[in-house]
N, C-alpha and C. Protein backbone atom coordinates (compact mmCIF):
# COMPACT_ATOMS: atom_id res chain seq x y z
N ILE A 1 -7.44 0.27 -0.39
CA ILE A 1 -6.35 0.27 -1.33
C ILE A 1 -5.18 -0.42 -0.65
N GLN A 2 -4.69 -1.48 -1.25
CA GLN A 2 -3.69 -2.31 -0.60
C GLN A 2 -2.28 -1.95 -1.08
N LEU A 3 -1.88 -0.72 -0.78
CA LEU A 3 -0.53 -0.23 -0.99
C LEU A 3 -0.45 1.16 -0.38
N ALA A 4 0.76 1.62 -0.07
CA ALA A 4 0.90 2.90 0.63
C ALA A 4 1.68 3.93 -0.19
N ASP A 5 1.52 3.91 -1.49
CA ASP A 5 2.15 4.88 -2.38
C ASP A 5 1.18 6.05 -2.54
N PRO A 6 1.52 7.23 -2.00
CA PRO A 6 0.58 8.36 -2.06
C PRO A 6 0.12 8.71 -3.47
N ALA A 7 1.01 8.65 -4.45
CA ALA A 7 0.61 9.00 -5.81
C ALA A 7 -0.41 8.01 -6.35
N LEU A 8 -0.21 6.73 -6.08
CA LEU A 8 -1.17 5.72 -6.54
C LEU A 8 -2.47 5.80 -5.75
N VAL A 9 -2.39 6.09 -4.46
CA VAL A 9 -3.61 6.27 -3.67
C VAL A 9 -4.42 7.43 -4.23
N ALA A 10 -3.74 8.52 -4.57
CA ALA A 10 -4.46 9.67 -5.13
C ALA A 10 -5.12 9.30 -6.46
N TRP A 11 -4.42 8.56 -7.31
CA TRP A 11 -4.98 8.16 -8.60
C TRP A 11 -6.18 7.24 -8.40
N LEU A 12 -6.02 6.22 -7.55
CA LEU A 12 -7.09 5.26 -7.30
C LEU A 12 -8.30 5.94 -6.65
N ALA A 13 -8.04 6.80 -5.67
CA ALA A 13 -9.14 7.53 -5.02
C ALA A 13 -9.87 8.40 -6.04
N GLY A 14 -9.11 9.02 -6.92
CA GLY A 14 -9.73 9.84 -7.97
C GLY A 14 -10.61 9.02 -8.89
N GLN A 15 -10.15 7.82 -9.24
CA GLN A 15 -10.94 6.92 -10.09
C GLN A 15 -12.26 6.55 -9.41
N VAL A 16 -12.18 6.24 -8.13
CA VAL A 16 -13.38 5.83 -7.39
C VAL A 16 -14.34 7.01 -7.25
N ARG A 17 -13.80 8.17 -6.92
CA ARG A 17 -14.67 9.34 -6.74
C ARG A 17 -15.32 9.76 -8.07
N GLU A 18 -14.54 9.68 -9.13
CA GLU A 18 -15.09 10.01 -10.46
C GLU A 18 -16.23 9.04 -10.82
N ALA A 19 -16.03 7.77 -10.57
CA ALA A 19 -17.07 6.78 -10.85
C ALA A 19 -18.29 7.00 -9.97
N ALA A 20 -18.07 7.38 -8.72
CA ALA A 20 -19.20 7.67 -7.82
C ALA A 20 -20.01 8.83 -8.35
N GLY A 21 -19.33 9.87 -8.80
CA GLY A 21 -20.04 11.02 -9.37
C GLY A 21 -20.86 10.64 -10.59
N ARG A 22 -20.28 9.82 -11.48
CA ARG A 22 -21.02 9.38 -12.67
C ARG A 22 -22.23 8.54 -12.29
N ALA A 23 -22.15 7.85 -11.15
CA ALA A 23 -23.27 7.01 -10.71
C ALA A 23 -24.29 7.79 -9.88
N GLY A 24 -24.08 9.09 -9.74
CA GLY A 24 -25.02 9.90 -8.99
C GLY A 24 -24.80 9.89 -7.49
N ARG A 25 -23.68 9.35 -7.06
CA ARG A 25 -23.36 9.33 -5.63
C ARG A 25 -22.47 10.52 -5.28
N ASP A 26 -22.45 10.87 -4.03
CA ASP A 26 -21.62 11.98 -3.56
C ASP A 26 -20.17 11.52 -3.48
N PRO A 27 -19.28 12.01 -4.35
CA PRO A 27 -17.88 11.58 -4.32
C PRO A 27 -17.19 11.89 -2.99
N ASP A 28 -17.62 12.96 -2.33
CA ASP A 28 -17.00 13.33 -1.06
C ASP A 28 -17.40 12.41 0.09
N ALA A 29 -18.42 11.58 -0.13
CA ALA A 29 -18.84 10.64 0.90
C ALA A 29 -18.01 9.35 0.87
N ILE A 30 -17.20 9.19 -0.17
CA ILE A 30 -16.38 7.98 -0.30
C ILE A 30 -15.26 8.02 0.73
N ARG A 31 -15.09 6.93 1.43
CA ARG A 31 -14.02 6.78 2.42
C ARG A 31 -12.95 5.89 1.80
N ILE A 32 -11.70 6.24 1.99
CA ILE A 32 -10.58 5.51 1.38
C ILE A 32 -9.72 4.90 2.48
N GLN A 33 -9.68 3.57 2.50
CA GLN A 33 -8.83 2.85 3.45
C GLN A 33 -7.57 2.41 2.72
N VAL A 34 -6.44 2.63 3.35
CA VAL A 34 -5.15 2.15 2.86
C VAL A 34 -4.70 1.05 3.81
N ALA A 35 -4.23 -0.05 3.24
CA ALA A 35 -3.74 -1.17 4.04
C ALA A 35 -2.36 -1.56 3.52
N ALA A 36 -1.37 -1.60 4.42
CA ALA A 36 -0.01 -1.92 4.01
C ALA A 36 0.83 -2.32 5.21
N PRO A 37 1.89 -3.10 4.96
CA PRO A 37 2.82 -3.41 6.04
C PRO A 37 3.54 -2.15 6.51
N ALA A 38 3.80 -2.09 7.79
CA ALA A 38 4.54 -0.97 8.35
C ALA A 38 5.47 -1.49 9.43
N VAL A 39 6.69 -1.00 9.40
CA VAL A 39 7.65 -1.33 10.44
C VAL A 39 8.55 -0.12 10.65
N VAL A 40 8.70 0.26 11.91
CA VAL A 40 9.54 1.40 12.24
C VAL A 40 10.97 0.88 12.38
N ASP A 41 11.71 1.01 11.28
CA ASP A 41 13.08 0.51 11.23
C ASP A 41 13.71 1.03 9.93
N ASP A 42 15.01 0.91 9.85
CA ASP A 42 15.76 1.29 8.66
C ASP A 42 15.22 0.50 7.47
N PRO A 43 14.79 1.17 6.40
CA PRO A 43 14.24 0.45 5.25
C PRO A 43 15.17 -0.65 4.73
N ALA A 44 16.46 -0.39 4.68
CA ALA A 44 17.40 -1.39 4.15
C ALA A 44 17.40 -2.66 5.00
N ALA A 45 17.09 -2.53 6.27
CA ALA A 45 17.12 -3.68 7.18
C ALA A 45 15.87 -4.55 7.06
N VAL A 46 14.79 -4.00 6.49
CA VAL A 46 13.52 -4.74 6.48
C VAL A 46 12.96 -5.03 5.09
N ARG A 47 13.57 -4.49 4.05
CA ARG A 47 13.01 -4.64 2.70
C ARG A 47 12.81 -6.09 2.30
N ASP A 48 13.82 -6.93 2.51
CA ASP A 48 13.69 -8.32 2.06
C ASP A 48 12.51 -9.01 2.74
N GLY A 49 12.24 -8.68 4.00
CA GLY A 49 11.12 -9.27 4.70
C GLY A 49 9.77 -8.72 4.27
N LEU A 50 9.76 -7.64 3.51
CA LEU A 50 8.51 -7.02 3.05
C LEU A 50 8.27 -7.21 1.56
N ARG A 51 9.24 -7.77 0.86
CA ARG A 51 9.15 -7.91 -0.59
C ARG A 51 7.93 -8.73 -1.03
N TRP A 52 7.45 -9.60 -0.15
CA TRP A 52 6.27 -10.41 -0.47
C TRP A 52 5.04 -9.55 -0.75
N PHE A 53 4.97 -8.36 -0.09
CA PHE A 53 3.75 -7.56 -0.20
C PHE A 53 3.56 -6.99 -1.61
N PRO A 54 4.55 -6.30 -2.18
CA PRO A 54 4.35 -5.87 -3.57
C PRO A 54 4.18 -7.06 -4.52
N ALA A 55 4.76 -8.21 -4.19
CA ALA A 55 4.54 -9.40 -5.02
C ALA A 55 3.08 -9.82 -4.96
N LEU A 56 2.49 -9.74 -3.78
CA LEU A 56 1.05 -10.04 -3.64
C LEU A 56 0.24 -9.05 -4.46
N VAL A 57 0.56 -7.77 -4.36
CA VAL A 57 -0.15 -6.75 -5.12
C VAL A 57 0.02 -7.00 -6.62
N ALA A 58 1.19 -7.52 -7.02
CA ALA A 58 1.44 -7.81 -8.44
C ALA A 58 0.41 -8.79 -8.98
N ASN A 59 -0.03 -9.70 -8.15
CA ASN A 59 -1.07 -10.64 -8.58
C ASN A 59 -2.32 -9.87 -9.02
N HIS A 60 -2.68 -8.84 -8.27
CA HIS A 60 -3.85 -8.02 -8.61
C HIS A 60 -3.57 -7.16 -9.85
N VAL A 61 -2.34 -6.65 -9.94
CA VAL A 61 -1.97 -5.83 -11.10
C VAL A 61 -2.03 -6.67 -12.37
N LEU A 62 -1.52 -7.90 -12.29
CA LEU A 62 -1.59 -8.79 -13.46
C LEU A 62 -3.04 -9.02 -13.88
N ASP A 63 -3.93 -9.14 -12.89
CA ASP A 63 -5.35 -9.30 -13.20
C ASP A 63 -5.89 -8.05 -13.90
N LEU A 64 -5.50 -6.87 -13.40
CA LEU A 64 -5.91 -5.62 -14.05
C LEU A 64 -5.41 -5.57 -15.48
N LEU A 65 -4.17 -5.99 -15.69
CA LEU A 65 -3.60 -5.94 -17.03
C LEU A 65 -4.29 -6.88 -18.01
N ARG A 66 -4.94 -7.90 -17.49
CA ARG A 66 -5.71 -8.79 -18.35
C ARG A 66 -7.00 -8.12 -18.82
N ARG A 67 -7.46 -7.12 -18.05
CA ARG A 67 -8.76 -6.49 -18.31
C ARG A 67 -8.66 -5.07 -18.86
N ALA A 68 -7.52 -4.42 -18.69
CA ALA A 68 -7.40 -3.01 -19.07
C ALA A 68 -6.21 -2.81 -20.00
N GLU A 69 -6.27 -1.76 -20.74
CA GLU A 69 -5.12 -1.38 -21.56
C GLU A 69 -4.00 -0.92 -20.64
N PRO A 70 -2.78 -1.42 -20.82
CA PRO A 70 -1.68 -0.99 -19.95
C PRO A 70 -1.52 0.52 -19.90
N GLY A 71 -1.75 1.21 -21.00
CA GLY A 71 -1.62 2.67 -21.03
C GLY A 71 -2.66 3.40 -20.21
N SER A 72 -3.73 2.70 -19.82
CA SER A 72 -4.77 3.35 -19.03
C SER A 72 -4.46 3.32 -17.54
N LEU A 73 -3.41 2.60 -17.17
CA LEU A 73 -3.00 2.48 -15.76
C LEU A 73 -1.71 3.24 -15.53
N PRO A 74 -1.51 3.80 -14.34
CA PRO A 74 -0.29 4.56 -14.09
C PRO A 74 0.95 3.66 -14.17
N PRO A 75 2.01 4.15 -14.82
CA PRO A 75 3.25 3.37 -14.89
C PRO A 75 3.75 2.94 -13.51
N ALA A 76 3.56 3.76 -12.49
CA ALA A 76 4.02 3.40 -11.14
C ALA A 76 3.31 2.17 -10.59
N LEU A 77 2.16 1.84 -11.17
CA LEU A 77 1.43 0.66 -10.74
C LEU A 77 1.85 -0.58 -11.51
N VAL A 78 2.16 -0.44 -12.77
CA VAL A 78 2.39 -1.62 -13.61
C VAL A 78 3.85 -1.87 -13.99
N ASP A 79 4.70 -0.86 -13.96
CA ASP A 79 6.06 -1.03 -14.47
C ASP A 79 6.90 -2.00 -13.66
N TYR A 80 6.63 -2.17 -12.38
CA TYR A 80 7.46 -3.05 -11.56
C TYR A 80 7.12 -4.53 -11.74
N VAL A 81 5.97 -4.80 -12.32
CA VAL A 81 5.48 -6.18 -12.40
C VAL A 81 6.24 -6.97 -13.46
N ASP A 82 6.71 -8.11 -13.05
CA ASP A 82 7.31 -9.06 -13.98
C ASP A 82 6.15 -9.84 -14.59
N HIS A 83 5.81 -9.51 -15.81
CA HIS A 83 4.63 -10.11 -16.44
C HIS A 83 4.76 -11.62 -16.61
N GLU A 84 5.96 -12.13 -16.46
CA GLU A 84 6.16 -13.58 -16.55
C GLU A 84 6.07 -14.23 -15.17
N ALA A 85 6.05 -13.41 -14.13
CA ALA A 85 5.99 -13.97 -12.77
C ALA A 85 4.68 -14.72 -12.58
N ARG A 86 4.75 -15.81 -11.94
CA ARG A 86 3.55 -16.61 -11.69
C ARG A 86 3.30 -16.71 -10.20
N TYR A 87 3.46 -15.59 -9.49
CA TYR A 87 3.24 -15.56 -8.05
C TYR A 87 1.78 -15.92 -7.79
N ARG A 88 1.57 -16.76 -6.83
CA ARG A 88 0.22 -17.10 -6.40
C ARG A 88 0.16 -16.93 -4.89
N TYR A 89 -0.89 -16.30 -4.43
CA TYR A 89 -1.05 -16.09 -3.00
C TYR A 89 -1.64 -17.35 -2.40
N ILE A 90 -0.78 -18.17 -1.86
CA ILE A 90 -1.18 -19.43 -1.23
C ILE A 90 -0.47 -19.52 0.12
N PRO A 91 -0.93 -20.37 1.02
CA PRO A 91 -0.33 -20.40 2.36
C PRO A 91 1.19 -20.54 2.36
N GLN A 92 1.74 -21.40 1.54
CA GLN A 92 3.19 -21.47 1.43
C GLN A 92 3.57 -20.62 0.23
N HIS A 93 4.01 -19.39 0.50
CA HIS A 93 4.38 -18.49 -0.60
C HIS A 93 5.52 -19.14 -1.37
N THR A 94 5.22 -19.61 -2.55
CA THR A 94 6.22 -20.30 -3.35
C THR A 94 6.72 -19.42 -4.48
N GLY A 95 6.23 -18.20 -4.54
CA GLY A 95 6.62 -17.31 -5.63
C GLY A 95 8.03 -16.76 -5.46
N ASP A 96 8.52 -16.23 -6.52
CA ASP A 96 9.82 -15.60 -6.54
C ASP A 96 9.59 -14.10 -6.42
N TYR A 97 10.09 -13.50 -5.37
CA TYR A 97 9.86 -12.07 -5.13
C TYR A 97 10.99 -11.21 -5.69
N ALA A 98 11.97 -11.81 -6.33
CA ALA A 98 13.14 -11.08 -6.78
C ALA A 98 12.80 -9.96 -7.77
N PHE A 99 11.67 -10.08 -8.48
CA PHE A 99 11.30 -9.04 -9.44
C PHE A 99 10.88 -7.75 -8.77
N VAL A 100 10.63 -7.78 -7.45
CA VAL A 100 10.21 -6.58 -6.72
C VAL A 100 11.47 -5.83 -6.28
N ASP A 101 11.67 -4.64 -6.84
CA ASP A 101 12.87 -3.88 -6.51
C ASP A 101 12.68 -3.10 -5.20
N ASP A 102 13.78 -2.58 -4.68
CA ASP A 102 13.76 -1.86 -3.41
C ASP A 102 12.83 -0.65 -3.44
N ALA A 103 12.85 0.08 -4.55
CA ALA A 103 12.01 1.28 -4.65
C ALA A 103 10.53 0.94 -4.52
N THR A 104 10.13 -0.19 -5.08
CA THR A 104 8.72 -0.59 -5.00
C THR A 104 8.36 -0.99 -3.57
N VAL A 105 9.26 -1.69 -2.89
CA VAL A 105 9.01 -2.02 -1.48
C VAL A 105 8.83 -0.72 -0.69
N ASP A 106 9.70 0.24 -0.93
CA ASP A 106 9.63 1.51 -0.20
C ASP A 106 8.34 2.27 -0.50
N ARG A 107 7.84 2.18 -1.72
CA ARG A 107 6.60 2.89 -2.08
C ARG A 107 5.36 2.21 -1.54
N PHE A 108 5.34 0.87 -1.57
CA PHE A 108 4.14 0.13 -1.21
C PHE A 108 4.01 -0.11 0.29
N CYS A 109 5.13 -0.12 1.01
CA CYS A 109 5.14 -0.36 2.46
C CYS A 109 5.53 0.93 3.17
N ILE A 110 5.38 0.94 4.48
CA ILE A 110 5.76 2.12 5.26
C ILE A 110 6.90 1.70 6.17
N THR A 111 8.08 2.27 5.94
CA THR A 111 9.27 1.94 6.73
C THR A 111 9.98 3.23 7.10
N GLY A 112 11.06 3.08 7.85
CA GLY A 112 11.85 4.22 8.27
C GLY A 112 11.58 4.56 9.72
N GLY A 113 12.13 5.65 10.15
CA GLY A 113 11.94 6.11 11.53
C GLY A 113 10.58 6.73 11.74
N PRO A 114 10.30 7.15 12.97
CA PRO A 114 8.99 7.74 13.26
C PRO A 114 8.63 8.92 12.36
N ALA A 115 9.59 9.78 12.05
CA ALA A 115 9.29 10.93 11.19
C ALA A 115 8.88 10.48 9.79
N ALA A 116 9.51 9.42 9.29
CA ALA A 116 9.15 8.90 7.96
C ALA A 116 7.72 8.38 7.96
N HIS A 117 7.32 7.74 9.06
CA HIS A 117 5.94 7.24 9.16
C HIS A 117 4.95 8.41 9.23
N GLN A 118 5.29 9.43 10.02
CA GLN A 118 4.42 10.60 10.11
C GLN A 118 4.28 11.26 8.74
N ASP A 119 5.41 11.40 8.04
CA ASP A 119 5.37 12.03 6.72
C ASP A 119 4.54 11.21 5.74
N ARG A 120 4.68 9.89 5.77
CA ARG A 120 3.93 9.04 4.84
C ARG A 120 2.44 9.11 5.15
N ILE A 121 2.08 9.06 6.43
CA ILE A 121 0.67 9.14 6.81
C ILE A 121 0.09 10.48 6.35
N ALA A 122 0.83 11.56 6.55
CA ALA A 122 0.36 12.88 6.10
C ALA A 122 0.18 12.90 4.58
N ALA A 123 1.12 12.32 3.84
CA ALA A 123 1.02 12.27 2.38
C ALA A 123 -0.16 11.42 1.94
N LEU A 124 -0.39 10.32 2.63
CA LEU A 124 -1.54 9.47 2.30
C LEU A 124 -2.86 10.19 2.58
N CYS A 125 -2.92 10.91 3.68
CA CYS A 125 -4.13 11.70 3.97
C CYS A 125 -4.35 12.75 2.89
N GLU A 126 -3.28 13.41 2.49
CA GLU A 126 -3.37 14.41 1.42
C GLU A 126 -3.86 13.77 0.11
N ALA A 127 -3.49 12.51 -0.10
CA ALA A 127 -3.87 11.77 -1.31
C ALA A 127 -5.32 11.29 -1.26
N GLY A 128 -5.96 11.40 -0.10
CA GLY A 128 -7.37 11.01 0.00
C GLY A 128 -7.67 9.92 1.00
N MET A 129 -6.64 9.37 1.65
CA MET A 129 -6.87 8.31 2.64
C MET A 129 -7.65 8.86 3.83
N THR A 130 -8.62 8.08 4.29
CA THR A 130 -9.36 8.45 5.50
C THR A 130 -9.13 7.45 6.63
N GLN A 131 -8.56 6.28 6.31
CA GLN A 131 -8.29 5.27 7.33
C GLN A 131 -7.06 4.47 6.92
N LEU A 132 -6.22 4.17 7.90
CA LEU A 132 -5.01 3.38 7.66
C LEU A 132 -5.11 2.06 8.41
N ASN A 133 -4.88 0.97 7.69
CA ASN A 133 -4.82 -0.36 8.29
C ASN A 133 -3.38 -0.83 8.16
N VAL A 134 -2.68 -0.88 9.29
CA VAL A 134 -1.27 -1.27 9.31
C VAL A 134 -1.15 -2.77 9.48
N TYR A 135 -0.34 -3.40 8.62
CA TYR A 135 0.00 -4.80 8.79
C TYR A 135 1.35 -4.85 9.50
N PRO A 136 1.36 -5.16 10.79
CA PRO A 136 2.66 -5.22 11.48
C PRO A 136 3.45 -6.44 11.04
N VAL A 137 4.77 -6.30 11.05
CA VAL A 137 5.64 -7.41 10.70
C VAL A 137 5.50 -8.47 11.79
N PRO A 138 5.31 -9.74 11.42
CA PRO A 138 5.18 -10.80 12.44
C PRO A 138 6.37 -10.81 13.39
N GLY A 139 6.04 -10.89 14.66
CA GLY A 139 7.06 -10.86 15.70
C GLY A 139 7.38 -9.46 16.19
N ARG A 140 6.88 -8.45 15.46
CA ARG A 140 7.15 -7.05 15.83
C ARG A 140 5.84 -6.28 16.05
N GLU A 141 4.76 -7.01 16.28
CA GLU A 141 3.46 -6.37 16.43
C GLU A 141 3.43 -5.36 17.57
N ALA A 142 3.87 -5.79 18.76
CA ALA A 142 3.83 -4.91 19.93
C ALA A 142 4.71 -3.68 19.70
N GLU A 143 5.86 -3.88 19.10
CA GLU A 143 6.77 -2.77 18.80
C GLU A 143 6.13 -1.76 17.85
N THR A 144 5.44 -2.27 16.82
CA THR A 144 4.78 -1.39 15.85
C THR A 144 3.64 -0.63 16.50
N ILE A 145 2.83 -1.31 17.30
CA ILE A 145 1.72 -0.64 17.98
C ILE A 145 2.25 0.43 18.92
N ALA A 146 3.31 0.13 19.66
CA ALA A 146 3.91 1.12 20.56
C ALA A 146 4.45 2.32 19.79
N ALA A 147 5.10 2.06 18.66
CA ALA A 147 5.66 3.15 17.85
C ALA A 147 4.53 4.03 17.31
N TYR A 148 3.46 3.41 16.84
CA TYR A 148 2.35 4.19 16.31
C TYR A 148 1.62 4.93 17.43
N ALA A 149 1.53 4.34 18.61
CA ALA A 149 0.93 5.04 19.74
C ALA A 149 1.75 6.28 20.10
N ALA A 150 3.08 6.15 20.03
CA ALA A 150 3.96 7.29 20.30
C ALA A 150 3.78 8.39 19.25
N LEU A 151 3.40 8.01 18.04
CA LEU A 151 3.13 8.98 16.98
C LEU A 151 1.76 9.64 17.15
N GLY A 152 0.95 9.07 18.03
CA GLY A 152 -0.41 9.57 18.19
C GLY A 152 -1.40 8.86 17.29
N VAL A 153 -0.97 7.74 16.70
CA VAL A 153 -1.84 6.94 15.85
C VAL A 153 -2.25 5.73 16.68
N THR A 154 -3.53 5.55 16.86
CA THR A 154 -4.01 4.46 17.72
C THR A 154 -4.51 3.30 16.90
N PRO A 155 -4.33 2.07 17.40
CA PRO A 155 -4.85 0.90 16.68
C PRO A 155 -6.36 0.86 16.74
N GLY A 156 -6.94 0.20 15.77
CA GLY A 156 -8.38 0.05 15.76
C GLY A 156 -9.01 0.81 14.62
N PRO A 157 -10.31 0.71 14.50
CA PRO A 157 -11.02 1.32 13.37
C PRO A 157 -11.25 2.81 13.58
N THR A 158 -10.17 3.58 13.53
CA THR A 158 -10.29 5.03 13.70
C THR A 158 -9.90 5.73 12.40
N GLU A 159 -10.36 6.93 12.25
CA GLU A 159 -10.02 7.73 11.07
C GLU A 159 -8.55 8.13 11.15
N ALA A 160 -7.91 8.24 9.99
CA ALA A 160 -6.53 8.72 9.92
C ALA A 160 -6.49 10.19 10.36
N ARG A 161 -5.38 10.59 10.93
CA ARG A 161 -5.25 11.99 11.36
C ARG A 161 -4.29 12.71 10.47
């Protein structure tokens, strides 16, 4: 799941587990990976540099809206999307990210001090996440890894704690 909003992770995980059960698979055997940018810093200081991420997710949301009834999707997933936006994920991001508000950046990315990261990870685990894939901000990779190591979160393919 390519966003770090606990409520949306819970909804998406529920959808997957429900479908697994209907298919005769064990819903409890499903593993949920969350992938999102994370930076240990004041959210206000880093939001503009992270706005691209919800814009990228918007591309997927727009695709969902082409296939599903808008009412069948959670408002928290679709309400932020500028349906006229023509963002395209290409090497030179030429899209306009202005439609992504601060609240959406805060929900989809993980920012704030160490306690905020611990709280978000705990909320994501409660929502069904079993693994976290952190996208460090370019140029701050070592800082992010060090901060997560101090939290007791280690890099690599390990289960979320």
